[in-house]
């Protein structure tokens, strides 16, 4: 399993003092926890990674997803606002904001975010999974 390999990476970091890769390992652990549906752990791991360096867009989105899944919608919104500061045109963050808006019963705002994301992906292959998911989500929010 991936966890066994992560344990080996921690041993590697400890043995050779490679603290620079610790945030990456924490990020991997957060991703695994999210996939397993263990959102408290995902949040704890991504927050630990935040504490060691400036988070990247993926980590911010992962944090927001975990918060949203835990029902902590206001915190998720603040986290996604941080993503917008880093890259206002990030289509992945736009889709995350759309999902949050749907959880907040803000369908019109969700549609706007999805349309922005799809505009970025308009030249993507027709089977590009992120664009397909965004189109399906947009269709499900039709008034």
C-alpha atoms as a PDB file:
ATOM      1  CA  UNK A   1       0.000   0.000   0.000  1.00  0.00           C
ATOM      2  CA  UNK A   2       1.018   3.607  -0.410  1.00  0.00           C
ATOM      3  CA  UNK A   3       1.252   4.023   3.369  1.00  0.00           C
ATOM      4  CA  UNK A   4       4.083   1.486   3.571  1.00  0.00           C
ATOM      5  CA  UNK A   5       6.052   3.504   1.060  1.00  0.00           C
ATOM      6  CA  UNK A   6       5.355   6.724   2.951  1.00  0.00           C
ATOM      7  CA  UNK A   7       6.719   5.154   6.130  1.00  0.00           C
ATOM      8  CA  UNK A   8       9.870   4.336   4.182  1.00  0.00           C
ATOM      9  CA  UNK A   9      10.111   7.941   3.028  1.00  0.00           C
ATOM     10  CA  UNK A  10       9.861   9.184   6.605  1.00  0.00           C
ATOM     11  CA  UNK A  11      12.719   6.866   7.562  1.00  0.00           C
ATOM     12  CA  UNK A  12      14.695   8.234   4.618  1.00  0.00           C
ATOM     13  CA  UNK A  13      14.036  11.831   5.735  1.00  0.00           C
ATOM     14  CA  UNK A  14      15.082  11.045   9.304  1.00  0.00           C
ATOM     15  CA  UNK A  15      18.180   9.130   8.271  1.00  0.00           C
ATOM     16  CA  UNK A  16      19.496  11.700   5.803  1.00  0.00           C
ATOM     17  CA  UNK A  17      18.037  14.892   7.276  1.00  0.00           C
ATOM     18  CA  UNK A  18      16.099  15.767   4.146  1.00  0.00           C
ATOM     19  CA  UNK A  19      13.501  17.950   5.835  1.00  0.00           C
ATOM     20  CA  UNK A  20      12.769  19.726   2.563  1.00  0.00           C
ATOM     21  CA  UNK A  21      10.707  16.785   1.337  1.00  0.00           C
ATOM     22  CA  UNK A  22       8.680  16.361   4.553  1.00  0.00           C
ATOM     23  CA  UNK A  23       5.912  18.712   3.294  1.00  0.00           C
ATOM     24  CA  UNK A  24       5.605  16.586   0.162  1.00  0.00           C
ATOM     25  CA  UNK A  25       5.181  13.450   2.223  1.00  0.00           C
ATOM     26  CA  UNK A  26       2.578  15.165   4.399  1.00  0.00           C
ATOM     27  CA  UNK A  27       0.800  16.217   1.214  1.00  0.00           C
ATOM     28  CA  UNK A  28       0.812  12.629  -0.052  1.00  0.00           C
ATOM     29  CA  UNK A  29      -0.605  11.457   3.275  1.00  0.00           C
ATOM     30  CA  UNK A  30      -3.318  14.115   3.065  1.00  0.00           C
ATOM     31  CA  UNK A  31      -4.243  12.977  -0.440  1.00  0.00           C
ATOM     32  CA  UNK A  32      -4.439   9.350   0.633  1.00  0.00           C
ATOM     33  CA  UNK A  33      -6.596  10.237   3.629  1.00  0.00           C
ATOM     34  CA  UNK A  34      -8.917  12.243   1.385  1.00  0.00           C
ATOM     35  CA  UNK A  35      -9.268   9.316  -1.014  1.00  0.00           C
ATOM     36  CA  UNK A  36     -10.078   7.089   1.951  1.00  0.00           C
ATOM     37  CA  UNK A  37     -12.704   9.565   3.163  1.00  0.00           C
ATOM     38  CA  UNK A  38     -10.821  10.329   6.373  1.00  0.00           C
ATOM     39  CA  UNK A  39     -11.178  14.099   6.105  1.00  0.00           C
ATOM     40  CA  UNK A  40      -9.991  14.996   9.623  1.00  0.00           C
ATOM     41  CA  UNK A  41      -6.695  13.247   8.888  1.00  0.00           C
ATOM     42  CA  UNK A  42      -6.462  14.853   5.465  1.00  0.00           C
ATOM     43  CA  UNK A  43      -6.968  18.253   7.048  1.00  0.00           C
ATOM     44  CA  UNK A  44      -4.412  17.595   9.793  1.00  0.00           C
ATOM     45  CA  UNK A  45      -1.772  16.430   7.301  1.00  0.00           C
ATOM     46  CA  UNK A  46      -2.282  19.289   4.868  1.00  0.00           C
ATOM     47  CA  UNK A  47      -2.203  21.780   7.755  1.00  0.00           C
ATOM     48  CA  UNK A  48       1.055  20.241   8.934  1.00  0.00           C
ATOM     49  CA  UNK A  49       2.439  20.692   5.429  1.00  0.00           C
ATOM     50  CA  UNK A  50       1.244  24.336   5.449  1.00  0.00           C
ATOM     51  CA  UNK A  51       3.191  24.908   8.642  1.00  0.00           C
ATOM     52  CA  UNK A  52       6.462  24.095   6.958  1.00  0.00           C
ATOM     53  CA  UNK A  53       6.203  26.165   3.777  1.00  0.00           C
ATOM     54  CA  UNK A  54       3.912  28.241   1.595  1.00  0.00           C
ATOM     55  CA  UNK A  55       1.153  25.957   0.334  1.00  0.00           C
ATOM     56  CA  UNK A  56       0.604  25.374  -3.347  1.00  0.00           C
ATOM     57  CA  UNK A  57      -2.741  25.495  -5.115  1.00  0.00           C
ATOM     58  CA  UNK A  58      -3.287  21.746  -4.862  1.00  0.00           C
ATOM     59  CA  UNK A  59      -2.756  21.761  -1.094  1.00  0.00           C
ATOM     60  CA  UNK A  60      -5.114  24.701  -0.668  1.00  0.00           C
ATOM     61  CA  UNK A  61      -7.800  22.962  -2.724  1.00  0.00           C
ATOM     62  CA  UNK A  62      -7.303  19.723  -0.794  1.00  0.00           C
ATOM     63  CA  UNK A  63      -7.705  21.635   2.476  1.00  0.00           C
ATOM     64  CA  UNK A  64     -10.887  23.283   1.203  1.00  0.00           C
ATOM     65  CA  UNK A  65     -12.318  19.922   0.049  1.00  0.00           C
ATOM     66  CA  UNK A  66     -11.653  18.356   3.456  1.00  0.00           C
ATOM     67  CA  UNK A  67     -13.266  21.309   5.231  1.00  0.00           C
ATOM     68  CA  UNK A  68     -16.269  21.147   2.900  1.00  0.00           C
ATOM     69  CA  UNK A  69     -16.678  17.409   3.481  1.00  0.00           C
ATOM     70  CA  UNK A  70     -16.550  18.065   7.228  1.00  0.00           C
ATOM     71  CA  UNK A  71     -19.314  20.659   6.874  1.00  0.00           C
ATOM     72  CA  UNK A  72     -17.022  23.542   7.788  1.00  0.00           C
ATOM     73  CA  UNK A  73     -18.216  25.640   4.870  1.00  0.00           C
ATOM     74  CA  UNK A  74     -17.121  29.082   6.064  1.00  0.00           C
ATOM     75  CA  UNK A  75     -13.572  27.836   6.645  1.00  0.00           C
ATOM     76  CA  UNK A  76     -13.618  26.162   3.247  1.00  0.00           C
ATOM     77  CA  UNK A  77     -14.687  29.443   1.667  1.00  0.00           C
ATOM     78  CA  UNK A  78     -11.867  31.358   3.374  1.00  0.00           C
ATOM     79  CA  UNK A  79      -9.421  28.720   2.210  1.00  0.00           C
ATOM     80  CA  UNK A  80     -10.641  28.997  -1.384  1.00  0.00           C
ATOM     81  CA  UNK A  81     -10.322  32.769  -1.201  1.00  0.00           C
ATOM     82  CA  UNK A  82      -6.644  32.147  -0.493  1.00  0.00           C
ATOM     83  CA  UNK A  83      -6.470  30.013  -3.641  1.00  0.00           C
ATOM     84  CA  UNK A  84      -8.004  32.873  -5.634  1.00  0.00           C
ATOM     85  CA  UNK A  85      -5.234  35.181  -4.428  1.00  0.00           C
ATOM     86  CA  UNK A  86      -2.569  32.733  -5.629  1.00  0.00           C
ATOM     87  CA  UNK A  87      -4.185  32.194  -9.028  1.00  0.00           C
ATOM     88  CA  UNK A  88      -7.565  33.793  -9.756  1.00  0.00           C
ATOM     89  CA  UNK A  89      -7.937  31.868 -13.013  1.00  0.00           C
ATOM     90  CA  UNK A  90      -7.202  28.385 -11.611  1.00  0.00           C
ATOM     91  CA  UNK A  91      -9.981  26.196 -13.066  1.00  0.00           C
ATOM     92  CA  UNK A  92      -9.506  23.540 -10.394  1.00  0.00           C
ATOM     93  CA  UNK A  93     -10.151  26.134  -7.671  1.00  0.00           C
ATOM     94  CA  UNK A  94     -13.133  27.415  -9.632  1.00  0.00           C
ATOM     95  CA  UNK A  95     -14.653  23.931  -9.622  1.00  0.00           C
ATOM     96  CA  UNK A  96     -13.988  23.636  -5.887  1.00  0.00           C
ATOM     97  CA  UNK A  97     -15.707  26.981  -5.330  1.00  0.00           C
ATOM     98  CA  UNK A  98     -18.638  25.726  -7.403  1.00  0.00           C
ATOM     99  CA  UNK A  99     -18.960  22.628  -5.222  1.00  0.00           C
ATOM    100  CA  UNK A 100     -18.843  24.797  -2.120  1.00  0.00           C
ATOM    101  CA  UNK A 101     -21.483  27.137  -3.540  1.00  0.00           C
ATOM    102  CA  UNK A 102     -23.722  24.166  -4.267  1.00  0.00           C
ATOM    103  CA  UNK A 103     -23.361  23.068  -0.648  1.00  0.00           C
ATOM    104  CA  UNK A 104     -24.373  26.616   0.320  1.00  0.00           C
ATOM    105  CA  UNK A 105     -27.405  26.541  -2.037  1.00  0.00           C
ATOM    106  CA  UNK A 106     -25.846  29.185  -4.280  1.00  0.00           C
ATOM    107  CA  UNK A 107     -26.526  27.562  -7.650  1.00  0.00           C
ATOM    108  CA  UNK A 108     -26.102  30.720  -9.740  1.00  0.00           C
ATOM    109  CA  UNK A 109     -22.644  31.357  -8.242  1.00  0.00           C
ATOM    110  CA  UNK A 110     -21.742  27.704  -8.801  1.00  0.00           C
ATOM    111  CA  UNK A 111     -22.728  27.922 -12.465  1.00  0.00           C
ATOM    112  CA  UNK A 112     -20.594  31.060 -12.904  1.00  0.00           C
ATOM    113  CA  UNK A 113     -17.534  29.319 -11.449  1.00  0.00           C
ATOM    114  CA  UNK A 114     -18.084  26.225 -13.597  1.00  0.00           C
ATOM    115  CA  UNK A 115     -18.458  28.341 -16.735  1.00  0.00           C
ATOM    116  CA  UNK A 116     -15.166  30.091 -15.925  1.00  0.00           C
ATOM    117  CA  UNK A 117     -13.406  26.762 -15.457  1.00  0.00           C
ATOM    118  CA  UNK A 118     -14.860  25.382 -18.689  1.00  0.00           C
ATOM    119  CA  UNK A 119     -13.737  28.482 -20.575  1.00  0.00           C
ATOM    120  CA  UNK A 120     -10.173  27.632 -19.531  1.00  0.00           C
ATOM    121  CA  UNK A 121     -10.645  24.028 -20.651  1.00  0.00           C
ATOM    122  CA  UNK A 122     -12.509  24.797 -23.886  1.00  0.00           C
ATOM    123  CA  UNK A 123      -9.607  23.614 -26.052  1.00  0.00           C
ATOM    124  CA  UNK A 124      -9.001  20.497 -23.949  1.00  0.00           C
ATOM    125  CA  UNK A 125      -9.681  17.052 -25.370  1.00  0.00           C
ATOM    126  CA  UNK A 126     -13.369  16.198 -25.206  1.00  0.00           C
ATOM    127  CA  UNK A 127     -12.654  13.355 -22.782  1.00  0.00           C
ATOM    128  CA  UNK A 128     -10.458  15.402 -20.405  1.00  0.00           C
ATOM    129  CA  UNK A 129     -11.853  14.110 -17.116  1.00  0.00           C
ATOM    130  CA  UNK A 130     -11.802  17.390 -15.196  1.00  0.00           C
ATOM    131  CA  UNK A 131     -13.671  19.192 -17.967  1.00  0.00           C
ATOM    132  CA  UNK A 132     -16.131  16.301 -18.302  1.00  0.00           C
ATOM    133  CA  UNK A 133     -16.815  16.430 -14.551  1.00  0.00           C
ATOM    134  CA  UNK A 134     -17.244  20.220 -14.643  1.00  0.00           C
ATOM    135  CA  UNK A 135     -19.677  19.971 -17.616  1.00  0.00           C
ATOM    136  CA  UNK A 136     -21.715  17.300 -15.842  1.00  0.00           C
ATOM    137  CA  UNK A 137     -21.817  19.373 -12.675  1.00  0.00           C
ATOM    138  CA  UNK A 138     -22.879  22.436 -14.674  1.00  0.00           C
ATOM    139  CA  UNK A 139     -25.653  20.453 -16.375  1.00  0.00           C
ATOM    140  CA  UNK A 140     -26.869  19.231 -12.991  1.00  0.00           C
ATOM    141  CA  UNK A 141     -27.220  22.836 -11.794  1.00  0.00           C
ATOM    142  CA  UNK A 142     -29.312  24.032 -14.755  1.00  0.00           C
ATOM    143  CA  UNK A 143     -32.172  26.248 -13.572  1.00  0.00           C
END
